[in-house]
Amino acid sequence: MKSQDVLPVILSVVIIVIVAILEKQSKVIAAITATMPLTAALALWIVYTSANGDKTATSQFSLSMIFGFIPTFFFMVAAWLAARAGMKLSGILLAGYGTWAVGAGIIYMLRQVLGIG
């Protein structure tokens, strides 16, 4: 196994630990850290290195990630609304992931119909 395969996983775990520590100090800083584009950067790194720096593959993957941010945004909106409504964590996550799945499905179908990437 190459270090480029393992390092993103290690970095992800480190960020999760940092968020857990920061959450006790400042909820705002923990939230900012939790939402920083870490997974996007790690995914770009993985695609770039596995494609040997191919600009077309990296560009196409970047475009796909842009479309992927749309349902992720709606995941957070649904989770926020569910939390405001007093739901427990399971309901919050179900609302968020349900919304995300519907949004991701719509984006996928639109991309297929419109021939975008």
PDB file of N, CA and C in Angstrom:
ATOM      1  N   MET A   1       0.846  -1.176   0.000  1.00  0.00           N
ATOM      2  CA  MET A   1       0.000   0.000   0.000  1.00  0.00           C
ATOM      3  C   MET A   1       0.893   1.240   0.000  1.00  0.00           C
ATOM      4  N   LYS A   2       0.560   2.192  -0.863  1.00  0.00           N
ATOM      5  CA  LYS A   2       1.365   3.398  -1.001  1.00  0.00           C
ATOM      6  C   LYS A   2       0.986   4.426   0.056  1.00  0.00           C
ATOM      7  N   SER A   3       1.946   5.296   0.361  1.00  0.00           N
ATOM      8  CA  SER A   3       1.673   6.349   1.350  1.00  0.00           C
ATOM      9  C   SER A   3       0.584   7.293   0.861  1.00  0.00           C
ATOM     10  N   GLN A   4       0.471   7.476  -0.458  1.00  0.00           N
ATOM     11  CA  GLN A   4      -0.573   8.356  -0.996  1.00  0.00           C
ATOM     12  C   GLN A   4      -1.962   7.761  -0.790  1.00  0.00           C
ATOM     13  N   ASP A   5      -2.048   6.461  -0.529  1.00  0.00           N
ATOM     14  CA  ASP A   5      -3.329   5.824  -0.230  1.00  0.00           C
ATOM     15  C   ASP A   5      -3.670   5.910   1.256  1.00  0.00           C
ATOM     16  N   VAL A   6      -2.664   5.862   2.108  1.00  0.00           N
ATOM     17  CA  VAL A   6      -2.868   5.829   3.551  1.00  0.00           C
ATOM     18  C   VAL A   6      -2.924   7.232   4.155  1.00  0.00           C
ATOM     19  N   LEU A   7      -2.112   8.139   3.651  1.00  0.00           N
ATOM     20  CA  LEU A   7      -2.015   9.477   4.235  1.00  0.00           C
ATOM     21  C   LEU A   7      -3.343  10.226   4.297  1.00  0.00           C
ATOM     22  N   PRO A   8      -4.185  10.193   3.253  1.00  0.00           N
ATOM     23  CA  PRO A   8      -5.478  10.873   3.371  1.00  0.00           C
ATOM     24  C   PRO A   8      -6.340  10.347   4.517  1.00  0.00           C
ATOM     25  N   VAL A   9      -6.288   9.049   4.757  1.00  0.00           N
ATOM     26  CA  VAL A   9      -7.071   8.462   5.851  1.00  0.00           C
ATOM     27  C   VAL A   9      -6.530   8.947   7.193  1.00  0.00           C
ATOM     28  N   ILE A  10      -5.218   8.960   7.332  1.00  0.00           N
ATOM     29  CA  ILE A  10      -4.600   9.428   8.575  1.00  0.00           C
ATOM     30  C   ILE A  10      -4.940  10.896   8.817  1.00  0.00           C
ATOM     31  N   LEU A  11      -4.849  11.717   7.778  1.00  0.00           N
ATOM     32  CA  LEU A  11      -5.186  13.136   7.919  1.00  0.00           C
ATOM     33  C   LEU A  11      -6.644  13.324   8.319  1.00  0.00           C
ATOM     34  N   SER A  12      -7.527  12.524   7.765  1.00  0.00           N
ATOM     35  CA  SER A  12      -8.947  12.618   8.123  1.00  0.00           C
ATOM     36  C   SER A  12      -9.165  12.312   9.601  1.00  0.00           C
ATOM     37  N   VAL A  13      -8.507  11.281  10.103  1.00  0.00           N
ATOM     38  CA  VAL A  13      -8.631  10.918  11.516  1.00  0.00           C
ATOM     39  C   VAL A  13      -8.078  12.041  12.397  1.00  0.00           C
ATOM     40  N   VAL A  14      -6.949  12.617  11.998  1.00  0.00           N
ATOM     41  CA  VAL A  14      -6.360  13.724  12.763  1.00  0.00           C
ATOM     42  C   VAL A  14      -7.331  14.898  12.835  1.00  0.00           C
ATOM     43  N   ILE A  15      -7.973  15.232  11.722  1.00  0.00           N
ATOM     44  CA  ILE A  15      -8.934  16.345  11.707  1.00  0.00           C
ATOM     45  C   ILE A  15     -10.119  16.041  12.624  1.00  0.00           C
ATOM     46  N   ILE A  16     -10.611  14.813  12.611  1.00  0.00           N
ATOM     47  CA  ILE A  16     -11.733  14.441  13.488  1.00  0.00           C
ATOM     48  C   ILE A  16     -11.337  14.607  14.957  1.00  0.00           C
ATOM     49  N   VAL A  17     -10.130  14.203  15.304  1.00  0.00           N
ATOM     50  CA  VAL A  17      -9.649  14.367  16.682  1.00  0.00           C
ATOM     51  C   VAL A  17      -9.535  15.848  17.029  1.00  0.00           C
ATOM     52  N   ILE A  18      -9.020  16.650  16.098  1.00  0.00           N
ATOM     53  CA  ILE A  18      -8.901  18.096  16.328  1.00  0.00           C
ATOM     54  C   ILE A  18     -10.274  18.712  16.561  1.00  0.00           C
ATOM     55  N   VAL A  19     -11.257  18.328  15.752  1.00  0.00           N
ATOM     56  CA  VAL A  19     -12.623  18.851  15.927  1.00  0.00           C
ATOM     57  C   VAL A  19     -13.154  18.475  17.310  1.00  0.00           C
ATOM     58  N   ALA A  20     -12.923  17.242  17.745  1.00  0.00           N
ATOM     59  CA  ALA A  20     -13.394  16.803  19.064  1.00  0.00           C
ATOM     60  C   ALA A  20     -12.754  17.629  20.179  1.00  0.00           C
ATOM     61  N   ILE A  21     -11.482  17.957  20.026  1.00  0.00           N
ATOM     62  CA  ILE A  21     -10.789  18.773  21.032  1.00  0.00           C
ATOM     63  C   ILE A  21     -11.284  20.214  20.984  1.00  0.00           C
ATOM     64  N   LEU A  22     -11.376  20.780  19.774  1.00  0.00           N
ATOM     65  CA  LEU A  22     -11.803  22.174  19.629  1.00  0.00           C
ATOM     66  C   LEU A  22     -13.241  22.392  20.076  1.00  0.00           C
ATOM     67  N   GLU A  23     -14.079  21.375  19.934  1.00  0.00           N
ATOM     68  CA  GLU A  23     -15.491  21.502  20.286  1.00  0.00           C
ATOM     69  C   GLU A  23     -15.653  21.891  21.752  1.00  0.00           C
ATOM     70  N   LYS A  24     -14.741  21.447  22.592  1.00  0.00           N
ATOM     71  CA  LYS A  24     -14.802  21.788  24.012  1.00  0.00           C
ATOM     72  C   LYS A  24     -14.382  23.238  24.254  1.00  0.00           C
ATOM     73  N   GLN A  25     -13.568  23.791  23.360  1.00  0.00           N
ATOM     74  CA  GLN A  25     -13.074  25.158  23.514  1.00  0.00           C
ATOM     75  C   GLN A  25     -13.984  26.177  22.836  1.00  0.00           C
ATOM     76  N   SER A  26     -14.358  25.891  21.590  1.00  0.00           N
ATOM     77  CA  SER A  26     -15.165  26.835  20.818  1.00  0.00           C
ATOM     78  C   SER A  26     -15.985  26.078  19.785  1.00  0.00           C
ATOM     79  N   LYS A  27     -17.286  26.165  19.907  1.00  0.00           N
ATOM     80  CA  LYS A  27     -18.174  25.489  18.953  1.00  0.00           C
ATOM     81  C   LYS A  27     -18.017  26.089  17.558  1.00  0.00           C
ATOM     82  N   VAL A  28     -17.778  27.397  17.478  1.00  0.00           N
ATOM     83  CA  VAL A  28     -17.630  28.059  16.175  1.00  0.00           C
ATOM     84  C   VAL A  28     -16.379  27.558  15.463  1.00  0.00           C
ATOM     85  N   ILE A  29     -15.255  27.527  16.159  1.00  0.00           N
ATOM     86  CA  ILE A  29     -14.011  27.055  15.533  1.00  0.00           C
ATOM     87  C   ILE A  29     -14.124  25.575  15.185  1.00  0.00           C
ATOM     88  N   ALA A  30     -14.776  24.792  16.030  1.00  0.00           N
ATOM     89  CA  ALA A  30     -14.983  23.370  15.725  1.00  0.00           C
ATOM     90  C   ALA A  30     -15.829  23.215  14.470  1.00  0.00           C
ATOM     91  N   ALA A  31     -16.872  24.034  14.331  1.00  0.00           N
ATOM     92  CA  ALA A  31     -17.735  23.963  13.142  1.00  0.00           C
ATOM     93  C   ALA A  31     -16.969  24.370  11.889  1.00  0.00           C
ATOM     94  N   ILE A  32     -16.159  25.412  11.992  1.00  0.00           N
ATOM     95  CA  ILE A  32     -15.354  25.847  10.838  1.00  0.00           C
ATOM     96  C   ILE A  32     -14.375  24.747  10.443  1.00  0.00           C
ATOM     97  N   THR A  33     -13.729  24.147  11.433  1.00  0.00           N
ATOM     98  CA  THR A  33     -12.786  23.058  11.154  1.00  0.00           C
ATOM     99  C   THR A  33     -13.503  21.855  10.546  1.00  0.00           C
ATOM    100  N   ALA A  34     -14.689  21.547  11.063  1.00  0.00           N
ATOM    101  CA  ALA A  34     -15.446  20.392  10.566  1.00  0.00           C
ATOM    102  C   ALA A  34     -15.904  20.584   9.131  1.00  0.00           C
ATOM    103  N   THR A  35     -16.115  21.834   8.724  1.00  0.00           N
ATOM    104  CA  THR A  35     -16.623  22.080   7.371  1.00  0.00           C
ATOM    105  C   THR A  35     -15.549  22.554   6.400  1.00  0.00           C
ATOM    106  N   MET A  36     -14.308  22.571   6.835  1.00  0.00           N
ATOM    107  CA  MET A  36     -13.263  22.984   5.894  1.00  0.00           C
ATOM    108  C   MET A  36     -13.148  21.938   4.785  1.00  0.00           C
ATOM    109  N   PRO A  37     -12.705  22.353   3.620  1.00  0.00           N
ATOM    110  CA  PRO A  37     -12.704  21.431   2.470  1.00  0.00           C
ATOM    111  C   PRO A  37     -11.597  20.382   2.526  1.00  0.00           C
ATOM    112  N   LEU A  38     -11.538  19.660   3.609  1.00  0.00           N
ATOM    113  CA  LEU A  38     -10.510  18.635   3.771  1.00  0.00           C
ATOM    114  C   LEU A  38     -10.742  17.452   2.849  1.00  0.00           C
ATOM    115  N   THR A  39     -11.941  16.898   2.868  1.00  0.00           N
ATOM    116  CA  THR A  39     -12.182  15.718   2.036  1.00  0.00           C
ATOM    117  C   THR A  39     -12.086  16.055   0.555  1.00  0.00           C
ATOM    118  N   ALA A  40     -12.498  17.265   0.185  1.00  0.00           N
ATOM    119  CA  ALA A  40     -12.374  17.671  -1.221  1.00  0.00           C
ATOM    120  C   ALA A  40     -10.902  17.724  -1.625  1.00  0.00           C
ATOM    121  N   ALA A  41     -10.081  18.315  -0.772  1.00  0.00           N
ATOM    122  CA  ALA A  41      -8.649  18.399  -1.076  1.00  0.00           C
ATOM    123  C   ALA A  41      -8.010  17.012  -1.108  1.00  0.00           C
ATOM    124  N   LEU A  42      -8.382  16.163  -0.159  1.00  0.00           N
ATOM    125  CA  LEU A  42      -7.836  14.803  -0.144  1.00  0.00           C
ATOM    126  C   LEU A  42      -8.283  14.012  -1.370  1.00  0.00           C
ATOM    127  N   ALA A  43      -9.541  14.168  -1.752  1.00  0.00           N
ATOM    128  CA  ALA A  43     -10.041  13.471  -2.945  1.00  0.00           C
ATOM    129  C   ALA A  43      -9.316  13.955  -4.196  1.00  0.00           C
ATOM    130  N   LEU A  44      -9.110  15.270  -4.289  1.00  0.00           N
ATOM    131  CA  LEU A  44      -8.357  15.804  -5.431  1.00  0.00           C
ATOM    132  C   LEU A  44      -6.944  15.233  -5.461  1.00  0.00           C
ATOM    133  N   TRP A  45      -6.333  15.159  -4.316  1.00  0.00           N
ATOM    134  CA  TRP A  45      -4.987  14.608  -4.207  1.00  0.00           C
ATOM    135  C   TRP A  45      -4.969  13.162  -4.695  1.00  0.00           C
ATOM    136  N   ILE A  46      -5.928  12.360  -4.247  1.00  0.00           N
ATOM    137  CA  ILE A  46      -5.990  10.953  -4.643  1.00  0.00           C
ATOM    138  C   ILE A  46      -6.200  10.816  -6.148  1.00  0.00           C
ATOM    139  N   VAL A  47      -7.148  11.573  -6.700  1.00  0.00           N
ATOM    140  CA  VAL A  47      -7.422  11.498  -8.143  1.00  0.00           C
ATOM    141  C   VAL A  47      -6.215  11.979  -8.942  1.00  0.00           C
ATOM    142  N   TYR A  48      -5.630  13.087  -8.522  1.00  0.00           N
ATOM    143  CA  TYR A  48      -4.475  13.649  -9.229  1.00  0.00           C
ATOM    144  C   TYR A  48      -3.315  12.656  -9.264  1.00  0.00           C
ATOM    145  N   THR A  49      -3.010  12.055  -8.105  1.00  0.00           N
ATOM    146  CA  THR A  49      -1.878  11.126  -8.070  1.00  0.00           C
ATOM    147  C   THR A  49      -2.190   9.819  -8.793  1.00  0.00           C
ATOM    148  N   SER A  50      -3.426   9.327  -8.677  1.00  0.00           N
ATOM    149  CA  SER A  50      -3.754   8.073  -9.367  1.00  0.00           C
ATOM    150  C   SER A  50      -3.831   8.261 -10.875  1.00  0.00           C
ATOM    151  N   ALA A  51      -4.115   9.500 -11.316  1.00  0.00           N
ATOM    152  CA  ALA A  51      -4.161   9.795 -12.753  1.00  0.00           C
ATOM    153  C   ALA A  51      -2.819  10.327 -13.250  1.00  0.00           C
ATOM    154  N   ASN A  52      -1.791  10.219 -12.406  1.00  0.00           N
ATOM    155  CA  ASN A  52      -0.446  10.698 -12.758  1.00  0.00           C
ATOM    156  C   ASN A  52      -0.439  12.154 -13.206  1.00  0.00           C
ATOM    157  N   GLY A  53      -1.229  12.974 -12.519  1.00  0.00           N
ATOM    158  CA  GLY A  53      -1.246  14.406 -12.799  1.00  0.00           C
ATOM    159  C   GLY A  53      -2.017  14.802 -14.041  1.00  0.00           C
ATOM    160  N   ASP A  54      -2.823  13.893 -14.581  1.00  0.00           N
ATOM    161  CA  ASP A  54      -3.595  14.203 -15.790  1.00  0.00           C
ATOM    162  C   ASP A  54      -4.584  15.336 -15.510  1.00  0.00           C
ATOM    163  N   LYS A  55      -4.425  16.433 -16.244  1.00  0.00           N
ATOM    164  CA  LYS A  55      -5.259  17.618 -16.006  1.00  0.00           C
ATOM    165  C   LYS A  55      -6.723  17.381 -16.362  1.00  0.00           C
ATOM    166  N   THR A  56      -6.990  16.612 -17.400  1.00  0.00           N
ATOM    167  CA  THR A  56      -8.373  16.360 -17.805  1.00  0.00           C
ATOM    168  C   THR A  56      -9.114  15.562 -16.732  1.00  0.00           C
ATOM    169  N   ALA A  57      -8.495  14.513 -16.227  1.00  0.00           N
ATOM    170  CA  ALA A  57      -9.133  13.696 -15.184  1.00  0.00           C
ATOM    171  C   ALA A  57      -9.378  14.522 -13.929  1.00  0.00           C
ATOM    172  N   THR A  58      -8.400  15.334 -13.560  1.00  0.00           N
ATOM    173  CA  THR A  58      -8.538  16.169 -12.365  1.00  0.00           C
ATOM    174  C   THR A  58      -9.613  17.224 -12.567  1.00  0.00           C
ATOM    175  N   SER A  59      -9.664  17.807 -13.743  1.00  0.00           N
ATOM    176  CA  SER A  59     -10.676  18.825 -14.048  1.00  0.00           C
ATOM    177  C   SER A  59     -12.081  18.231 -14.036  1.00  0.00           C
ATOM    178  N   GLN A  60     -12.257  17.065 -14.646  1.00  0.00           N
ATOM    179  CA  GLN A  60     -13.571  16.416 -14.663  1.00  0.00           C
ATOM    180  C   GLN A  60     -14.015  16.034 -13.252  1.00  0.00           C
ATOM    181  N   PHE A  61     -13.080  15.556 -12.458  1.00  0.00           N
ATOM    182  CA  PHE A  61     -13.408  15.204 -11.080  1.00  0.00           C
ATOM    183  C   PHE A  61     -13.786  16.453 -10.284  1.00  0.00           C
ATOM    184  N   SER A  62     -13.060  17.549 -10.508  1.00  0.00           N
ATOM    185  CA  SER A  62     -13.372  18.811  -9.823  1.00  0.00           C
ATOM    186  C   SER A  62     -14.777  19.283 -10.171  1.00  0.00           C
ATOM    187  N   LEU A  63     -15.167  19.170 -11.439  1.00  0.00           N
ATOM    188  CA  LEU A  63     -16.518  19.552 -11.853  1.00  0.00           C
ATOM    189  C   LEU A  63     -17.558  18.681 -11.148  1.00  0.00           C
ATOM    190  N   SER A  64     -17.293  17.398 -11.062  1.00  0.00           N
ATOM    191  CA  SER A  64     -18.221  16.500 -10.367  1.00  0.00           C
ATOM    192  C   SER A  64     -18.359  16.884  -8.898  1.00  0.00           C
ATOM    193  N   MET A  65     -17.260  17.309  -8.281  1.00  0.00           N
ATOM    194  CA  MET A  65     -17.328  17.732  -6.880  1.00  0.00           C
ATOM    195  C   MET A  65     -18.147  19.011  -6.728  1.00  0.00           C
ATOM    196  N   ILE A  66     -18.057  19.909  -7.697  1.00  0.00           N
ATOM    197  CA  ILE A  66     -18.873  21.131  -7.641  1.00  0.00           C
ATOM    198  C   ILE A  66     -20.345  20.750  -7.595  1.00  0.00           C
ATOM    199  N   PHE A  67     -20.759  19.840  -8.462  1.00  0.00           N
ATOM    200  CA  PHE A  67     -22.153  19.381  -8.452  1.00  0.00           C
ATOM    201  C   PHE A  67     -22.484  18.656  -7.143  1.00  0.00           C
ATOM    202  N   GLY A  68     -21.506  17.973  -6.573  1.00  0.00           N
ATOM    203  CA  GLY A  68     -21.720  17.257  -5.321  1.00  0.00           C
ATOM    204  C   GLY A  68     -21.929  18.163  -4.119  1.00  0.00           C
ATOM    205  N   PHE A  69     -21.445  19.390  -4.199  1.00  0.00           N
ATOM    206  CA  PHE A  69     -21.631  20.325  -3.083  1.00  0.00           C
ATOM    207  C   PHE A  69     -23.091  20.743  -2.931  1.00  0.00           C
ATOM    208  N   ILE A  70     -23.847  20.699  -4.013  1.00  0.00           N
ATOM    209  CA  ILE A  70     -25.247  21.151  -3.959  1.00  0.00           C
ATOM    210  C   ILE A  70     -26.066  20.282  -3.001  1.00  0.00           C
ATOM    211  N   PRO A  71     -26.107  18.957  -3.173  1.00  0.00           N
ATOM    212  CA  PRO A  71     -26.873  18.158  -2.205  1.00  0.00           C
ATOM    213  C   PRO A  71     -26.265  18.185  -0.799  1.00  0.00           C
ATOM    214  N   THR A  72     -24.957  18.384  -0.699  1.00  0.00           N
ATOM    215  CA  THR A  72     -24.330  18.483   0.619  1.00  0.00           C
ATOM    216  C   THR A  72     -24.812  19.728   1.356  1.00  0.00           C
ATOM    217  N   PHE A  73     -24.965  20.830   0.633  1.00  0.00           N
ATOM    218  CA  PHE A  73     -25.514  22.053   1.230  1.00  0.00           C
ATOM    219  C   PHE A  73     -26.923  21.780   1.760  1.00  0.00           C
ATOM    220  N   PHE A  74     -27.734  21.105   0.959  1.00  0.00           N
ATOM    221  CA  PHE A  74     -29.102  20.814   1.384  1.00  0.00           C
ATOM    222  C   PHE A  74     -29.149  19.801   2.532  1.00  0.00           C
ATOM    223  N   PHE A  75     -28.142  18.920   2.622  1.00  0.00           N
ATOM    224  CA  PHE A  75     -28.009  18.044   3.793  1.00  0.00           C
ATOM    225  C   PHE A  75     -27.930  18.891   5.056  1.00  0.00           C
ATOM    226  N   MET A  76     -27.065  19.904   5.027  1.00  0.00           N
ATOM    227  CA  MET A  76     -26.876  20.748   6.211  1.00  0.00           C
ATOM    228  C   MET A  76     -28.121  21.558   6.531  1.00  0.00           C
ATOM    229  N   VAL A  77     -28.805  22.062   5.500  1.00  0.00           N
ATOM    230  CA  VAL A  77     -30.045  22.814   5.734  1.00  0.00           C
ATOM    231  C   VAL A  77     -31.085  21.904   6.391  1.00  0.00           C
ATOM    232  N   ALA A  78     -31.248  20.692   5.867  1.00  0.00           N
ATOM    233  CA  ALA A  78     -32.227  19.754   6.430  1.00  0.00           C
ATOM    234  C   ALA A  78     -31.847  19.363   7.856  1.00  0.00           C
ATOM    235  N   ALA A  79     -30.559  19.134   8.101  1.00  0.00           N
ATOM    236  CA  ALA A  79     -30.108  18.783   9.450  1.00  0.00           C
ATOM    237  C   ALA A  79     -30.367  19.937  10.419  1.00  0.00           C
ATOM    238  N   TRP A  80     -30.116  21.138   9.982  1.00  0.00           N
ATOM    239  CA  TRP A  80     -30.354  22.323  10.820  1.00  0.00           C
ATOM    240  C   TRP A  80     -31.839  22.464  11.148  1.00  0.00           C
ATOM    241  N   LEU A  81     -32.677  22.311  10.118  1.00  0.00           N
ATOM    242  CA  LEU A  81     -34.125  22.419  10.342  1.00  0.00           C
ATOM    243  C   LEU A  81     -34.624  21.318  11.279  1.00  0.00           C
ATOM    244  N   ALA A  82     -34.098  20.117  11.110  1.00  0.00           N
ATOM    245  CA  ALA A  82     -34.499  19.001  11.974  1.00  0.00           C
ATOM    246  C   ALA A  82     -34.052  19.244  13.417  1.00  0.00           C
ATOM    247  N   ALA A  83     -32.855  19.778  13.586  1.00  0.00           N
ATOM    248  CA  ALA A  83     -32.368  20.087  14.937  1.00  0.00           C
ATOM    249  C   ALA A  83     -33.216  21.181  15.575  1.00  0.00           C
ATOM    250  N   ARG A  84     -33.567  22.195  14.792  1.00  0.00           N
ATOM    251  CA  ARG A  84     -34.429  23.272  15.305  1.00  0.00           C
ATOM    252  C   ARG A  84     -35.804  22.746  15.685  1.00  0.00           C
ATOM    253  N   ALA A  85     -36.259  21.717  14.984  1.00  0.00           N
ATOM    254  CA  ALA A  85     -37.569  21.131  15.278  1.00  0.00           C
ATOM    255  C   ALA A  85     -37.521  20.217  16.509  1.00  0.00           C
ATOM    256  N   GLY A  86     -36.333  20.039  17.075  1.00  0.00           N
ATOM    257  CA  GLY A  86     -36.199  19.245  18.288  1.00  0.00           C
ATOM    258  C   GLY A  86     -36.001  17.764  18.069  1.00  0.00           C
ATOM    259  N   MET A  87     -35.659  17.367  16.851  1.00  0.00           N
ATOM    260  CA  MET A  87     -35.445  15.939  16.585  1.00  0.00           C
ATOM    261  C   MET A  87     -34.194  15.443  17.293  1.00  0.00           C
ATOM    262  N   LYS A  88     -34.164  14.140  17.553  1.00  0.00           N
ATOM    263  CA  LYS A  88     -32.969  13.500  18.101  1.00  0.00           C
ATOM    264  C   LYS A  88     -31.969  13.312  16.968  1.00  0.00           C
ATOM    265  N   LEU A  89     -30.751  12.911  17.321  1.00  0.00           N
ATOM    266  CA  LEU A  89     -29.688  12.775  16.326  1.00  0.00           C
ATOM    267  C   LEU A  89     -30.085  11.860  15.172  1.00  0.00           C
ATOM    268  N   SER A  90     -30.753  10.755  15.472  1.00  0.00           N
ATOM    269  CA  SER A  90     -31.142   9.827  14.399  1.00  0.00           C
ATOM    270  C   SER A  90     -32.078  10.516  13.404  1.00  0.00           C
ATOM    271  N   GLY A  91     -33.011  11.310  13.888  1.00  0.00           N
ATOM    272  CA  GLY A  91     -33.915  12.048  13.006  1.00  0.00           C
ATOM    273  C   GLY A  91     -33.200  13.127  12.219  1.00  0.00           C
ATOM    274  N   ILE A  92     -32.250  13.790  12.877  1.00  0.00           N
ATOM    275  CA  ILE A  92     -31.466  14.833  12.203  1.00  0.00           C
ATOM    276  C   ILE A  92     -30.682  14.219  11.048  1.00  0.00           C
ATOM    277  N   LEU A  93     -30.010  13.104  11.336  1.00  0.00           N
ATOM    278  CA  LEU A  93     -29.213  12.449  10.292  1.00  0.00           C
ATOM    279  C   LEU A  93     -30.090  11.869   9.190  1.00  0.00           C
ATOM    280  N   LEU A  94     -31.217  11.297   9.559  1.00  0.00           N
ATOM    281  CA  LEU A  94     -32.135  10.749   8.560  1.00  0.00           C
ATOM    282  C   LEU A  94     -32.652  11.854   7.641  1.00  0.00           C
ATOM    283  N   ALA A  95     -33.037  12.981   8.220  1.00  0.00           N
ATOM    284  CA  ALA A  95     -33.500  14.112   7.407  1.00  0.00           C
ATOM    285  C   ALA A  95     -32.385  14.611   6.496  1.00  0.00           C
ATOM    286  N   GLY A  96     -31.181  14.738   7.050  1.00  0.00           N
ATOM    287  CA  GLY A  96     -30.050  15.223   6.258  1.00  0.00           C
ATOM    288  C   GLY A  96     -29.682  14.282   5.130  1.00  0.00           C
ATOM    289  N   TYR A  97     -29.492  13.010   5.460  1.00  0.00           N
ATOM    290  CA  TYR A  97     -29.094  12.047   4.428  1.00  0.00           C
ATOM    291  C   TYR A  97     -30.212  11.770   3.430  1.00  0.00           C
ATOM    292  N   GLY A  98     -31.448  11.789   3.894  1.00  0.00           N
ATOM    293  CA  GLY A  98     -32.569  11.624   2.960  1.00  0.00           C
ATOM    294  C   GLY A  98     -32.605  12.751   1.945  1.00  0.00           C
ATOM    295  N   THR A  99     -32.444  13.976   2.443  1.00  0.00           N
ATOM    296  CA  THR A  99     -32.412  15.141   1.555  1.00  0.00           C
ATOM    297  C   THR A  99     -31.221  15.064   0.616  1.00  0.00           C
ATOM    298  N   TRP A 100     -30.070  14.676   1.168  1.00  0.00           N
ATOM    299  CA  TRP A 100     -28.871  14.553   0.343  1.00  0.00           C
ATOM    300  C   TRP A 100     -29.076  13.515  -0.761  1.00  0.00           C
ATOM    301  N   ALA A 101     -29.650  12.360  -0.426  1.00  0.00           N
ATOM    302  CA  ALA A 101     -29.852  11.288  -1.408  1.00  0.00           C
ATOM    303  C   ALA A 101     -30.780  11.731  -2.532  1.00  0.00           C
ATOM    304  N   VAL A 102     -31.866  12.404  -2.174  1.00  0.00           N
ATOM    305  CA  VAL A 102     -32.790  12.905  -3.202  1.00  0.00           C
ATOM    306  C   VAL A 102     -32.071  13.929  -4.078  1.00  0.00           C
ATOM    307  N   GLY A 103     -31.360  14.856  -3.448  1.00  0.00           N
ATOM    308  CA  GLY A 103     -30.631  15.882  -4.208  1.00  0.00           C
ATOM    309  C   GLY A 103     -29.564  15.288  -5.106  1.00  0.00           C
ATOM    310  N   ALA A 104     -28.809  14.325  -4.575  1.00  0.00           N
ATOM    311  CA  ALA A 104     -27.763  13.684  -5.374  1.00  0.00           C
ATOM    312  C   ALA A 104     -28.371  12.930  -6.552  1.00  0.00           C
ATOM    313  N   GLY A 105     -29.506  12.277  -6.324  1.00  0.00           N
ATOM    314  CA  GLY A 105     -30.194  11.576  -7.416  1.00  0.00           C
ATOM    315  C   GLY A 105     -30.660  12.527  -8.499  1.00  0.00           C
ATOM    316  N   ILE A 106     -31.217  13.659  -8.084  1.00  0.00           N
ATOM    317  CA  ILE A 106     -31.680  14.661  -9.057  1.00  0.00           C
ATOM    318  C   ILE A 106     -30.499  15.206  -9.848  1.00  0.00           C
ATOM    319  N   ILE A 107     -29.411  15.547  -9.161  1.00  0.00           N
ATOM    320  CA  ILE A 107     -28.215  16.066  -9.846  1.00  0.00           C
ATOM    321  C   ILE A 107     -27.683  15.027 -10.828  1.00  0.00           C
ATOM    322  N   TYR A 108     -27.622  13.770 -10.400  1.00  0.00           N
ATOM    323  CA  TYR A 108     -27.125  12.701 -11.268  1.00  0.00           C
ATOM    324  C   TYR A 108     -27.990  12.577 -12.522  1.00  0.00           C
ATOM    325  N   MET A 109     -29.307  12.556 -12.337  1.00  0.00           N
ATOM    326  CA  MET A 109     -30.211  12.417 -13.489  1.00  0.00           C
ATOM    327  C   MET A 109     -30.107  13.624 -14.421  1.00  0.00           C
ATOM    328  N   LEU A 110     -30.049  14.819 -13.851  1.00  0.00           N
ATOM    329  CA  LEU A 110     -29.920  16.017 -14.687  1.00  0.00           C
ATOM    330  C   LEU A 110     -28.622  15.993 -15.488  1.00  0.00           C
ATOM    331  N   ARG A 111     -27.546  15.564 -14.862  1.00  0.00           N
ATOM    332  CA  ARG A 111     -26.262  15.487 -15.573  1.00  0.00           C
ATOM    333  C   ARG A 111     -26.333  14.474 -16.710  1.00  0.00           C
ATOM    334  N   GLN A 112     -27.031  13.360 -16.486  1.00  0.00           N
ATOM    335  CA  GLN A 112     -27.175  12.353 -17.539  1.00  0.00           C
ATOM    336  C   GLN A 112     -28.017  12.885 -18.691  1.00  0.00           C
ATOM    337  N   VAL A 113     -29.143  13.519 -18.355  1.00  0.00           N
ATOM    338  CA  VAL A 113     -30.054  14.037 -19.380  1.00  0.00           C
ATOM    339  C   VAL A 113     -29.405  15.171 -20.166  1.00  0.00           C
ATOM    340  N   LEU A 114     -28.708  16.065 -19.454  1.00  0.00           N
ATOM    341  CA  LEU A 114     -28.095  17.225 -20.103  1.00  0.00           C
ATOM    342  C   LEU A 114     -26.718  16.927 -20.683  1.00  0.00           C
ATOM    343  N   GLY A 115     -26.176  15.748 -20.369  1.00  0.00           N
ATOM    344  CA  GLY A 115     -24.871  15.367 -20.898  1.00  0.00           C
ATOM    345  C   GLY A 115     -23.719  16.161 -20.304  1.00  0.00           C
ATOM    346  N   ILE A 116     -23.841  16.520 -19.024  1.00  0.00           N
ATOM    347  CA  ILE A 116     -22.788  17.288 -18.357  1.00  0.00           C
ATOM    348  C   ILE A 116     -21.883  16.315 -17.621  1.00  0.00           C
ATOM    349  N   GLY A 117     -20.654  16.202 -18.099  1.00  0.00           N
ATOM    350  CA  GLY A 117     -19.638  15.369 -17.446  1.00  0.00           C
ATOM    351  C   GLY A 117     -20.103  14.013 -17.141  1.00  0.00           C
TER     352      GLY A 117
END
